[in-house]
Structures are given as structure tokens and as C-alpha cells.
Protein backbone atom coordinates (compact mmCIF):
# COMPACT_ATOMS: atom_id res chain seq x y z
CA MET A 1 -82.68 97.69 -44.27
CA LYS A 2 -84.58 97.03 -41.06
CA ASN A 3 -85.53 93.54 -39.99
CA PHE A 4 -89.20 93.55 -40.96
CA LYS A 5 -91.49 91.14 -39.14
CA ILE A 6 -94.71 90.84 -41.11
CA ILE A 7 -98.07 89.50 -39.92
CA LEU A 8 -100.42 88.30 -42.69
CA THR A 9 -104.02 88.02 -41.52
CA ARG A 10 -104.77 84.97 -43.64
CA THR A 11 -103.96 81.27 -43.66
CA LYS A 12 -100.59 79.96 -44.81
CA ARG A 13 -102.32 78.26 -47.74
CA ASP A 14 -103.86 81.56 -48.89
CA GLY A 15 -100.58 83.41 -48.37
CA LEU A 16 -98.17 81.05 -50.15
CA LYS A 17 -97.07 83.57 -52.77
CA TRP A 18 -96.68 86.36 -50.22
CA ASN A 19 -94.63 84.09 -47.99
CA GLU A 20 -92.34 83.06 -50.84
CA VAL A 21 -91.74 86.60 -52.15
CA LEU A 22 -91.26 88.24 -48.75
CA LYS A 23 -88.83 85.59 -47.52
CA LYS A 24 -86.66 86.15 -50.59
CA GLU A 25 -86.23 89.69 -49.25
CA ASN A 26 -85.32 88.27 -45.82
CA PHE A 27 -88.57 89.43 -44.22
CA GLU A 28 -89.84 87.39 -41.29
CA VAL A 29 -93.38 86.24 -42.10
CA TYR A 30 -96.05 85.06 -39.67
CA PHE A 31 -99.64 84.00 -40.31
CA ILE A 32 -102.51 84.96 -38.02
CA PRO A 33 -105.74 84.00 -39.82
CA VAL A 34 -108.60 85.98 -38.28
CA GLN A 35 -111.41 84.48 -40.30
CA LYS A 36 -112.47 81.18 -41.76
CA TYR A 37 -115.17 80.29 -44.24
CA GLU A 38 -118.23 78.12 -43.99
CA PHE A 39 -120.08 76.85 -47.02
CA ILE A 40 -123.78 77.60 -47.39
CA LYS A 41 -126.12 74.72 -48.18
CA ILE A 42 -127.68 75.21 -51.60
CA LYS A 43 -130.02 72.94 -53.53
CA ASP A 44 -128.88 71.58 -56.87
CA LEU A 45 -129.22 74.09 -59.70
CA ASN A 46 -129.51 73.59 -63.44
CA LEU A 47 -127.09 75.54 -65.61
CA PRO A 48 -127.31 76.19 -69.35
CA GLU A 49 -124.73 74.12 -71.26
CA ASN A 50 -122.79 77.11 -72.49
CA SER A 51 -122.55 78.84 -69.10
CA LEU A 52 -119.44 80.86 -68.26
CA ILE A 53 -118.37 80.46 -64.63
CA VAL A 54 -116.41 83.29 -62.99
CA PHE A 55 -114.00 82.42 -60.19
CA THR A 56 -112.32 85.09 -58.08
CA SER A 57 -111.11 82.66 -55.40
CA THR A 58 -110.25 79.00 -54.92
CA LYS A 59 -113.05 78.88 -52.30
CA GLY A 60 -115.49 79.67 -55.09
CA ILE A 61 -114.15 76.70 -57.07
CA GLU A 62 -114.49 74.40 -54.06
CA GLY A 63 -118.03 75.59 -53.35
CA PHE A 64 -119.09 75.23 -56.99
CA LEU A 65 -117.89 71.63 -57.14
CA LYS A 66 -119.75 70.79 -53.93
CA ILE A 67 -123.00 71.63 -55.73
CA PHE A 68 -122.51 70.78 -59.38
CA LYS A 69 -120.04 67.86 -59.10
CA SER A 70 -118.75 68.70 -62.57
CA SER A 71 -115.92 70.76 -64.05
CA ASN A 72 -117.20 70.50 -67.63
CA PHE A 73 -117.48 74.29 -67.98
CA GLU A 74 -115.55 77.20 -69.45
CA VAL A 75 -114.36 79.63 -66.79
CA ALA A 76 -112.95 83.12 -66.31
CA VAL A 77 -110.50 83.57 -63.43
CA LEU A 78 -108.98 86.36 -61.37
CA GLY A 79 -105.32 85.34 -61.34
CA GLU A 80 -102.68 82.66 -61.57
CA ARG A 81 -103.69 80.93 -58.35
CA GLU A 82 -107.31 80.52 -59.45
CA GLU A 83 -106.19 79.54 -62.97
CA ASN A 84 -103.92 76.76 -61.70
CA TYR A 85 -106.54 75.42 -59.28
CA ALA A 86 -109.32 75.52 -61.89
CA LYS A 87 -107.18 73.62 -64.41
CA LYS A 88 -106.22 71.10 -61.74
CA LYS A 89 -109.93 70.44 -61.14
CA GLY A 90 -110.59 69.99 -64.86
CA PHE A 91 -112.15 73.34 -65.86
CA LYS A 92 -111.32 74.98 -69.19
CA VAL A 93 -109.90 78.44 -68.49
CA ILE A 94 -110.69 80.78 -71.39
CA LEU A 95 -110.12 84.16 -69.78
CA LYS A 96 -107.92 85.67 -67.06
CA ALA A 97 -107.85 89.23 -65.74
CA ASP A 98 -105.05 91.48 -67.02
CA LYS A 99 -104.30 92.32 -63.39
CA PRO A 100 -105.52 90.44 -60.28
CA THR A 101 -108.50 92.60 -59.31
CA GLY A 102 -112.21 91.90 -59.53
CA GLU A 103 -112.71 95.21 -61.33
CA ALA A 104 -110.21 94.23 -64.05
CA LEU A 105 -111.72 90.76 -64.47
CA PHE A 106 -115.31 91.91 -64.93
CA LYS A 107 -114.22 94.73 -67.24
CA LYS A 108 -112.47 92.19 -69.46
CA ILE A 109 -115.54 89.93 -69.42
CA SER A 110 -117.66 92.89 -70.56
CA GLU A 111 -115.32 93.41 -73.51
CA VAL A 112 -115.04 89.85 -74.85
CA VAL A 113 -118.07 87.82 -73.68
CA PRO A 114 -121.38 88.07 -75.60
CA LYS A 115 -124.15 89.70 -73.52
CA GLU A 116 -126.57 86.85 -74.11
CA ARG A 117 -124.23 84.21 -72.65
CA PHE A 118 -125.27 83.07 -69.17
CA ILE A 119 -122.64 84.03 -66.57
CA LEU A 120 -122.55 82.50 -63.08
CA TYR A 121 -120.46 84.10 -60.35
CA PRO A 122 -119.99 81.75 -57.34
CA THR A 123 -118.69 83.90 -54.50
CA SER A 124 -118.64 84.92 -50.86
CA GLU A 125 -121.43 86.61 -48.94
CA ALA A 126 -119.01 89.57 -48.66
CA TYR A 127 -118.43 90.01 -52.40
CA LYS A 128 -117.82 93.50 -53.80
CA ARG A 129 -121.02 94.48 -55.60
CA GLU A 130 -119.38 97.48 -57.25
CA ASN A 131 -117.19 95.13 -59.33
CA LEU A 132 -120.32 93.87 -61.13
CA GLU A 133 -121.60 97.28 -62.20
CA VAL A 134 -119.89 97.09 -65.60
CA LEU A 135 -121.93 93.95 -66.42
CA ASN A 136 -125.21 94.95 -64.77
CA LYS A 137 -125.44 98.38 -66.39
CA ASN A 138 -124.81 96.86 -69.83
CA GLY A 139 -127.48 94.19 -69.56
CA PHE A 140 -125.36 91.05 -69.21
CA ASN A 141 -127.07 87.78 -68.26
CA LEU A 142 -125.37 87.50 -64.85
CA LYS A 143 -126.35 85.51 -61.77
CA VAL A 144 -124.50 85.79 -58.45
CA LEU A 145 -124.46 82.57 -56.41
CA VAL A 146 -123.41 83.11 -52.78
CA LEU A 147 -121.72 79.87 -51.71
CA TYR A 148 -119.79 80.70 -48.55
CA ARG A 149 -119.46 83.30 -45.79
CA PRO A 150 -116.56 84.60 -43.70
CA VAL A 151 -116.84 83.88 -39.97
CA LEU A 152 -114.68 84.84 -37.01
CA LYS A 153 -111.64 82.68 -36.27
CA LYS A 154 -110.34 82.96 -32.72
CA ILE A 155 -106.76 84.19 -32.40
CA SER A 156 -104.62 81.82 -30.31
CA LYS A 157 -102.44 82.91 -27.38
CA ASN A 158 -99.35 81.98 -29.38
CA SER A 159 -100.48 84.25 -32.21
CA LEU A 160 -101.05 87.10 -29.77
CA ASN A 161 -97.43 86.72 -28.69
CA LEU A 162 -96.31 86.99 -32.33
CA LEU A 163 -98.09 90.32 -32.57
CA LYS A 164 -95.82 91.79 -29.92
CA LYS A 165 -92.67 91.34 -31.98
CA SER A 166 -94.17 92.24 -35.37
CA THR A 167 -93.46 95.51 -37.21
CA ASP A 168 -96.25 95.40 -39.81
CA ILE A 169 -99.70 93.84 -40.15
CA VAL A 170 -101.32 93.24 -43.56
CA PHE A 171 -105.12 93.08 -43.97
CA PHE A 172 -106.70 91.68 -47.14
CA SER A 173 -110.38 92.49 -46.55
CA PRO A 174 -112.63 94.68 -44.36
CA SER A 175 -113.91 91.61 -42.51
CA GLN A 176 -110.33 90.74 -41.51
CA VAL A 177 -109.95 94.21 -39.99
CA ILE A 178 -113.22 93.84 -38.08
CA ASN A 179 -112.43 90.33 -36.83
CA PHE A 180 -108.89 91.31 -35.82
CA PHE A 181 -109.87 94.33 -33.73
CA SER A 182 -112.78 92.47 -32.15
CA GLN A 183 -110.12 90.31 -30.45
CA VAL A 184 -107.10 92.61 -30.15
CA ASN A 185 -107.05 95.83 -28.14
CA PHE A 186 -105.76 98.69 -30.32
CA GLU A 187 -103.45 99.83 -27.50
CA GLU A 188 -101.53 96.55 -27.86
CA VAL A 189 -100.69 97.19 -31.51
CA LYS A 190 -100.88 100.97 -31.95
CA GLY A 191 -97.12 101.20 -32.65
CA LYS A 192 -97.40 98.88 -35.65
CA ARG A 193 -97.88 99.81 -39.28
CA PHE A 194 -101.16 98.61 -40.77
CA TRP A 195 -101.35 97.79 -44.50
CA ALA A 196 -104.63 97.45 -46.38
CA ILE A 197 -105.19 95.73 -49.71
CA GLY A 198 -107.43 98.15 -51.60
CA LYS A 199 -109.36 101.29 -50.70
CA ILE A 200 -112.34 99.52 -49.11
CA THR A 201 -110.12 97.64 -46.67
CA TYR A 202 -108.19 100.85 -46.03
CA SER A 203 -111.41 102.67 -45.09
CA SER A 204 -112.01 99.99 -42.43
CA LEU A 205 -108.73 101.05 -40.78
CA GLU A 206 -109.83 104.68 -40.44
CA GLY A 207 -108.67 106.15 -37.14
CA LYS A 208 -106.20 103.34 -36.49
CA GLY A 209 -103.08 105.50 -36.82
CA ASN A 210 -100.16 104.42 -39.00
CA CYS A 211 -102.05 103.03 -42.03
CA PHE A 212 -101.08 102.52 -45.66
CA CYS A 213 -103.12 101.51 -48.71
CA LEU A 214 -101.80 99.15 -51.40
CA GLU A 215 -103.57 99.76 -54.71
CA LYS A 216 -102.00 96.65 -56.24
CA PRO A 217 -102.71 93.49 -54.21
CA THR A 218 -99.24 91.97 -54.64
CA PRO A 219 -96.30 91.24 -52.33
CA GLU A 220 -94.01 92.99 -54.81
CA GLU A 221 -95.99 96.22 -54.38
CA PHE A 222 -95.84 95.82 -50.61
CA ILE A 223 -92.05 95.40 -50.70
CA LYS A 224 -91.68 98.47 -52.90
CA GLU A 225 -93.78 100.62 -50.57
CA ILE A 226 -92.25 99.39 -47.32
CA LYS A 227 -88.76 100.05 -48.67
CA LYS A 228 -89.79 103.64 -49.43
CA ILE A 229 -90.72 104.07 -45.77
CA ASP A 230 -87.46 102.50 -44.68
CA LEU A 231 -85.52 105.12 -46.63
CA LYS A 232 -87.27 108.04 -44.95
């Protein structure tokens, strides 16, 4: 197998699982975060006692606690990372998605949570509205609370040097694609393979050449797909 040198366009903290799994396969892994998040100032809000809080990221948990200062709530979470962080902060996790996608999480909520229960979704300014359709069209009592926004993070000169020796670059959101190519000339990376997590991110890479879409947002799926290419 080739010596794959993988760039992840996120922070090391956000890519811990990817780093661990890829290194077990002897991949070289480098982190070039192309965005950071800033929290939005929000006045204190009152929540009904029996509110269900939905977390699809650890940033959502952090932002929620900045406002409400309490973890005395039942929560639904996207995956293991959010589950562990929520429990660490004292929340009671009552529901987790069957697979780590927003679509799967909100579908499960629609199946097991009573419509009349108040649901709060603390999230990013760039949240995927289509994930909420299953709740909105069925009349659930849902409120979206935008707590933070993605902003451009400047790529360092050292990181630009890492790009030269990489074989593959993985993007986890459309905003990462936009921020990356606002700082990097396509000609400098046109020989690389670009990997997108999900169809929406993939559409942001349109016209960028050697692009691949990962339907499942996991490092295991990435390894499986990249090995297929290696065998060709």
C-alpha cells in the first residue's frame, strides 16, 4: 500500500478519532484547521423544565453552558464524542443517533419524542436546515438557537509546506472548502485527491478535479474507500 499523507482540515482536538484510526493503518496525518468558531452573545433565555436539548457538536454544548449555566437537562446527541462530553458536563443523555448523522438523529427524535415536548437545538449559524424537516413537517415544538458561527482561520506558512507533501485532503463542511480555497491556489494542490464528508460538502468541491464523496462520516469508511483506489 502507498504511503498516504492525509491532511484533515480541522483541529487536532476535533480530529482525535480520525488521527487514532488512520495512524493504526500507518497513514501520516496532518491537521490544517481552516476555520475557527466564535460564540454569539445571547441574552439569558427561560426554558421549560422538561425541555429536550439536542447536541450535534461539542461546540453546541459549550455554547449552551455559557448561557444557561446548568446541565440539569435531558439531551439527545449525535454520536459518541458528544455523548461523552455531555455526560462529563453533567447532562443526562437519553437518546443517541443510530448512526452519526444529523438526519439520523432527528429522524430518531421524531420516532420516540412526544410532539408536545419542547425541543431546543443549540447549533452553528451554518446548520443544515434540511435535517430538521422531519420535525417541522410533523408539527414538533422545536426551537433552533444559533450560538456560534464559523469564521476564517489563516493557514500558516508551515501548514502550506505540509500541503506540498500530502496525497489527500479531507473536508468536513462546505465552509471548510470555501475557507481553504480562499487561501490556497488550486494550481498548488490540483494533483491531490479531495475527500468530502457528505453530499453538500462534495458539491462545494465541484470543478476541483479528483474528488470523492464519503457518505458515512467515519475514518473507517475513508480507509475502505482509499484502499479501493490504491488497488486500481
